[in-house]
Amino acid sequence: MSEKTLQLPERFDFGYHSEFTEQYQARLADESVTEITLDFSRVGYLDSSALGMMVMFQKKAKSKNVPVKIKGAKDSAKDILQIANFDRLFNIV
């Protein structure tokens, strides 16, 4: 039983798609993982493709009963998450 963290890049957009997908799939495949945290502390930019990737990830995590939380979001990244109502999908701390 463990919590795993995904450190997101400064620019979270479609260019990060394959790396993001590989990272979350590896963590979801690990049966010992009980929670996954998306670390937004470095994110200064995210776009709609990043939001879409996060929704897809959240659906897959939910199907495996693995909660996902977001930590460290600030400035415009935090504003975008709030405007998109992501607090309904994720625990934002």
N, C-alpha and C. Protein backbone atom coordinates (compact mmCIF):
# COMPACT_ATOMS: atom_id res chain seq x y z
N MET A 1 0.84 -1.18 0.00
CA MET A 1 0.00 0.00 0.00
C MET A 1 0.88 1.23 0.00
N SER A 2 0.68 2.06 -1.02
CA SER A 2 1.53 3.25 -1.08
C SER A 2 0.88 4.34 -1.92
N GLU A 3 1.38 5.53 -1.69
CA GLU A 3 0.98 6.68 -2.48
C GLU A 3 2.10 6.97 -3.46
N LYS A 4 1.75 7.20 -4.70
CA LYS A 4 2.74 7.54 -5.73
C LYS A 4 2.45 8.93 -6.26
N THR A 5 3.50 9.62 -6.66
CA THR A 5 3.37 10.98 -7.17
C THR A 5 3.84 11.06 -8.61
N LEU A 6 3.09 11.80 -9.40
CA LEU A 6 3.51 12.13 -10.77
C LEU A 6 3.92 13.60 -10.76
N GLN A 7 5.19 13.86 -11.01
CA GLN A 7 5.69 15.24 -11.09
C GLN A 7 5.41 15.75 -12.49
N LEU A 8 4.60 16.78 -12.60
CA LEU A 8 4.24 17.32 -13.90
C LEU A 8 5.22 18.40 -14.33
N PRO A 9 5.38 18.59 -15.65
CA PRO A 9 6.35 19.57 -16.16
C PRO A 9 5.82 21.00 -16.08
N GLU A 10 6.71 21.94 -16.33
CA GLU A 10 6.32 23.35 -16.32
C GLU A 10 5.26 23.64 -17.38
N ARG A 11 5.38 22.99 -18.51
CA ARG A 11 4.43 23.15 -19.61
C ARG A 11 3.69 21.82 -19.80
N PHE A 12 2.46 21.75 -19.29
CA PHE A 12 1.65 20.54 -19.34
C PHE A 12 0.67 20.67 -20.50
N ASP A 13 1.06 20.08 -21.65
CA ASP A 13 0.23 20.15 -22.84
C ASP A 13 0.35 18.84 -23.61
N PHE A 14 -0.14 18.81 -24.85
CA PHE A 14 -0.17 17.56 -25.61
C PHE A 14 1.23 16.97 -25.83
N GLY A 15 2.25 17.80 -25.82
CA GLY A 15 3.61 17.31 -25.99
C GLY A 15 4.04 16.37 -24.87
N TYR A 16 3.33 16.39 -23.76
CA TYR A 16 3.64 15.53 -22.61
C TYR A 16 2.74 14.30 -22.56
N HIS A 17 1.87 14.14 -23.57
CA HIS A 17 0.87 13.08 -23.57
C HIS A 17 1.44 11.68 -23.36
N SER A 18 2.39 11.26 -24.20
CA SER A 18 2.87 9.88 -24.09
C SER A 18 3.59 9.62 -22.78
N GLU A 19 4.37 10.58 -22.32
CA GLU A 19 5.08 10.38 -21.05
C GLU A 19 4.09 10.31 -19.88
N PHE A 20 3.10 11.20 -19.89
CA PHE A 20 2.08 11.21 -18.84
C PHE A 20 1.33 9.88 -18.83
N THR A 21 0.91 9.42 -20.01
CA THR A 21 0.17 8.16 -20.11
C THR A 21 1.01 6.99 -19.62
N GLU A 22 2.25 6.92 -20.02
CA GLU A 22 3.13 5.83 -19.57
C GLU A 22 3.28 5.85 -18.05
N GLN A 23 3.45 7.03 -17.49
CA GLN A 23 3.65 7.13 -16.04
C GLN A 23 2.41 6.70 -15.27
N TYR A 24 1.24 7.19 -15.67
CA TYR A 24 0.06 6.81 -14.89
C TYR A 24 -0.33 5.37 -15.11
N GLN A 25 -0.11 4.82 -16.31
CA GLN A 25 -0.42 3.41 -16.54
C GLN A 25 0.46 2.51 -15.69
N ALA A 26 1.73 2.87 -15.54
CA ALA A 26 2.64 2.08 -14.71
C ALA A 26 2.18 2.10 -13.26
N ARG A 27 1.74 3.24 -12.79
CA ARG A 27 1.29 3.33 -11.40
C ARG A 27 -0.03 2.60 -11.19
N LEU A 28 -0.93 2.65 -12.17
CA LEU A 28 -2.19 1.94 -12.04
C LEU A 28 -2.00 0.43 -12.14
N ALA A 29 -0.95 0.00 -12.83
CA ALA A 29 -0.68 -1.44 -12.95
C ALA A 29 -0.10 -2.01 -11.66
N ASP A 30 0.44 -1.15 -10.81
CA ASP A 30 1.04 -1.58 -9.54
C ASP A 30 -0.07 -1.75 -8.50
N GLU A 31 -0.34 -2.98 -8.12
CA GLU A 31 -1.44 -3.29 -7.20
C GLU A 31 -1.23 -2.70 -5.81
N SER A 32 -0.01 -2.33 -5.45
CA SER A 32 0.26 -1.80 -4.12
C SER A 32 -0.09 -0.31 -4.00
N VAL A 33 -0.33 0.36 -5.13
CA VAL A 33 -0.62 1.79 -5.12
C VAL A 33 -2.05 2.02 -4.64
N THR A 34 -2.18 2.84 -3.60
CA THR A 34 -3.50 3.12 -3.01
C THR A 34 -3.97 4.54 -3.29
N GLU A 35 -3.07 5.41 -3.74
CA GLU A 35 -3.43 6.79 -4.07
C GLU A 35 -2.35 7.35 -4.99
N ILE A 36 -2.78 8.23 -5.92
CA ILE A 36 -1.83 8.87 -6.83
C ILE A 36 -2.02 10.38 -6.70
N THR A 37 -0.89 11.08 -6.58
CA THR A 37 -0.89 12.54 -6.47
C THR A 37 -0.30 13.14 -7.73
N LEU A 38 -0.99 14.12 -8.30
CA LEU A 38 -0.45 14.89 -9.41
C LEU A 38 0.17 16.14 -8.81
N ASP A 39 1.49 16.24 -8.90
CA ASP A 39 2.22 17.37 -8.33
C ASP A 39 2.30 18.50 -9.35
N PHE A 40 1.54 19.55 -9.10
CA PHE A 40 1.45 20.71 -9.99
C PHE A 40 2.41 21.82 -9.60
N SER A 41 3.32 21.58 -8.68
CA SER A 41 4.15 22.66 -8.15
C SER A 41 5.01 23.35 -9.21
N ARG A 42 5.34 22.66 -10.29
CA ARG A 42 6.15 23.28 -11.36
C ARG A 42 5.31 23.79 -12.53
N VAL A 43 4.04 23.42 -12.60
CA VAL A 43 3.21 23.75 -13.77
C VAL A 43 2.91 25.24 -13.83
N GLY A 44 3.33 25.85 -14.92
CA GLY A 44 3.02 27.26 -15.15
C GLY A 44 2.04 27.43 -16.30
N TYR A 45 1.89 26.37 -17.09
CA TYR A 45 1.00 26.42 -18.26
C TYR A 45 0.34 25.07 -18.43
N LEU A 46 -0.96 25.07 -18.64
CA LEU A 46 -1.65 23.86 -19.08
C LEU A 46 -2.75 24.27 -20.03
N ASP A 47 -3.07 23.37 -20.96
CA ASP A 47 -4.10 23.67 -21.95
C ASP A 47 -5.21 22.63 -21.90
N SER A 48 -6.13 22.73 -22.83
CA SER A 48 -7.29 21.84 -22.83
C SER A 48 -6.90 20.38 -23.05
N SER A 49 -5.82 20.12 -23.78
CA SER A 49 -5.41 18.73 -23.96
C SER A 49 -4.92 18.15 -22.64
N ALA A 50 -4.27 18.95 -21.80
CA ALA A 50 -3.85 18.48 -20.47
C ALA A 50 -5.07 18.15 -19.63
N LEU A 51 -6.10 19.00 -19.69
CA LEU A 51 -7.33 18.73 -18.94
C LEU A 51 -7.96 17.43 -19.42
N GLY A 52 -7.97 17.21 -20.72
CA GLY A 52 -8.52 15.97 -21.27
C GLY A 52 -7.73 14.75 -20.81
N MET A 53 -6.41 14.87 -20.79
CA MET A 53 -5.58 13.75 -20.32
C MET A 53 -5.87 13.45 -18.86
N MET A 54 -6.07 14.49 -18.08
CA MET A 54 -6.35 14.30 -16.66
C MET A 54 -7.70 13.63 -16.44
N VAL A 55 -8.69 13.99 -17.25
CA VAL A 55 -10.02 13.35 -17.14
C VAL A 55 -9.90 11.87 -17.49
N MET A 56 -9.19 11.56 -18.55
CA MET A 56 -9.02 10.16 -18.95
C MET A 56 -8.30 9.38 -17.84
N PHE A 57 -7.26 9.97 -17.28
CA PHE A 57 -6.53 9.33 -16.19
C PHE A 57 -7.43 9.11 -14.99
N GLN A 58 -8.22 10.12 -14.64
CA GLN A 58 -9.10 10.01 -13.48
C GLN A 58 -10.12 8.88 -13.67
N LYS A 59 -10.66 8.74 -14.87
CA LYS A 59 -11.63 7.66 -15.14
C LYS A 59 -10.98 6.29 -14.97
N LYS A 60 -9.77 6.14 -15.48
CA LYS A 60 -9.07 4.86 -15.36
C LYS A 60 -8.72 4.57 -13.90
N ALA A 61 -8.30 5.60 -13.17
CA ALA A 61 -7.97 5.42 -11.76
C ALA A 61 -9.22 5.05 -10.96
N LYS A 62 -10.32 5.72 -11.27
CA LYS A 62 -11.57 5.44 -10.56
C LYS A 62 -12.03 3.99 -10.80
N SER A 63 -11.83 3.51 -12.01
CA SER A 63 -12.24 2.13 -12.31
C SER A 63 -11.42 1.11 -11.52
N LYS A 64 -10.24 1.52 -11.04
CA LYS A 64 -9.40 0.66 -10.22
C LYS A 64 -9.48 1.04 -8.74
N ASN A 65 -10.41 1.93 -8.41
CA ASN A 65 -10.59 2.40 -7.03
C ASN A 65 -9.34 3.02 -6.43
N VAL A 66 -8.62 3.78 -7.26
CA VAL A 66 -7.41 4.48 -6.81
C VAL A 66 -7.72 5.98 -6.84
N PRO A 67 -7.84 6.61 -5.67
CA PRO A 67 -8.11 8.05 -5.66
C PRO A 67 -6.91 8.85 -6.20
N VAL A 68 -7.25 9.98 -6.82
CA VAL A 68 -6.23 10.87 -7.36
C VAL A 68 -6.41 12.25 -6.73
N LYS A 69 -5.31 12.84 -6.28
CA LYS A 69 -5.38 14.20 -5.76
C LYS A 69 -4.39 15.08 -6.49
N ILE A 70 -4.65 16.37 -6.42
CA ILE A 70 -3.79 17.37 -7.05
C ILE A 70 -3.21 18.22 -5.92
N LYS A 71 -1.89 18.40 -5.95
CA LYS A 71 -1.27 19.27 -4.95
C LYS A 71 -0.34 20.26 -5.63
N GLY A 72 -0.17 21.39 -5.00
CA GLY A 72 0.80 22.38 -5.44
C GLY A 72 0.38 23.27 -6.58
N ALA A 73 -0.89 23.21 -7.01
CA ALA A 73 -1.33 24.08 -8.11
C ALA A 73 -1.35 25.53 -7.63
N LYS A 74 -0.84 26.42 -8.49
CA LYS A 74 -0.80 27.84 -8.11
C LYS A 74 -1.00 28.71 -9.35
N ASP A 75 -1.27 29.95 -9.10
CA ASP A 75 -1.39 30.97 -10.14
C ASP A 75 -2.38 30.56 -11.24
N SER A 76 -1.99 30.70 -12.50
CA SER A 76 -2.92 30.44 -13.60
C SER A 76 -3.32 28.96 -13.67
N ALA A 77 -2.42 28.05 -13.32
CA ALA A 77 -2.76 26.62 -13.35
C ALA A 77 -3.90 26.34 -12.36
N LYS A 78 -3.80 26.92 -11.18
CA LYS A 78 -4.86 26.73 -10.18
C LYS A 78 -6.16 27.35 -10.65
N ASP A 79 -6.08 28.54 -11.26
CA ASP A 79 -7.27 29.21 -11.78
C ASP A 79 -7.96 28.35 -12.84
N ILE A 80 -7.18 27.78 -13.75
CA ILE A 80 -7.74 26.94 -14.81
C ILE A 80 -8.44 25.72 -14.23
N LEU A 81 -7.81 25.07 -13.25
CA LEU A 81 -8.43 23.91 -12.62
C LEU A 81 -9.75 24.29 -11.94
N GLN A 82 -9.79 25.45 -11.31
CA GLN A 82 -11.02 25.90 -10.65
C GLN A 82 -12.10 26.24 -11.67
N ILE A 83 -11.75 26.94 -12.73
CA ILE A 83 -12.73 27.30 -13.76
C ILE A 83 -13.31 26.06 -14.42
N ALA A 84 -12.47 25.03 -14.60
CA ALA A 84 -12.90 23.78 -15.23
C ALA A 84 -13.64 22.86 -14.24
N ASN A 85 -13.84 23.34 -13.01
CA ASN A 85 -14.53 22.56 -11.96
C ASN A 85 -13.85 21.22 -11.67
N PHE A 86 -12.53 21.19 -11.74
CA PHE A 86 -11.81 19.94 -11.49
C PHE A 86 -11.85 19.54 -10.02
N ASP A 87 -12.29 20.46 -9.16
CA ASP A 87 -12.45 20.08 -7.75
C ASP A 87 -13.58 19.05 -7.59
N ARG A 88 -14.40 18.88 -8.61
CA ARG A 88 -15.45 17.85 -8.59
C ARG A 88 -14.90 16.48 -8.97
N LEU A 89 -13.79 16.46 -9.69
CA LEU A 89 -13.19 15.19 -10.13
C LEU A 89 -12.03 14.77 -9.24
N PHE A 90 -11.32 15.75 -8.69
CA PHE A 90 -10.10 15.49 -7.94
C PHE A 90 -10.16 16.16 -6.58
N ASN A 91 -9.45 15.58 -5.63
CA ASN A 91 -9.23 16.23 -4.35
C ASN A 91 -8.06 17.19 -4.56
N ILE A 92 -8.31 18.49 -4.49
CA ILE A 92 -7.25 19.48 -4.72
C ILE A 92 -6.81 20.00 -3.36
N VAL A 93 -5.53 19.77 -3.06
CA VAL A 93 -4.98 20.19 -1.76
C VAL A 93 -3.90 21.23 -1.94
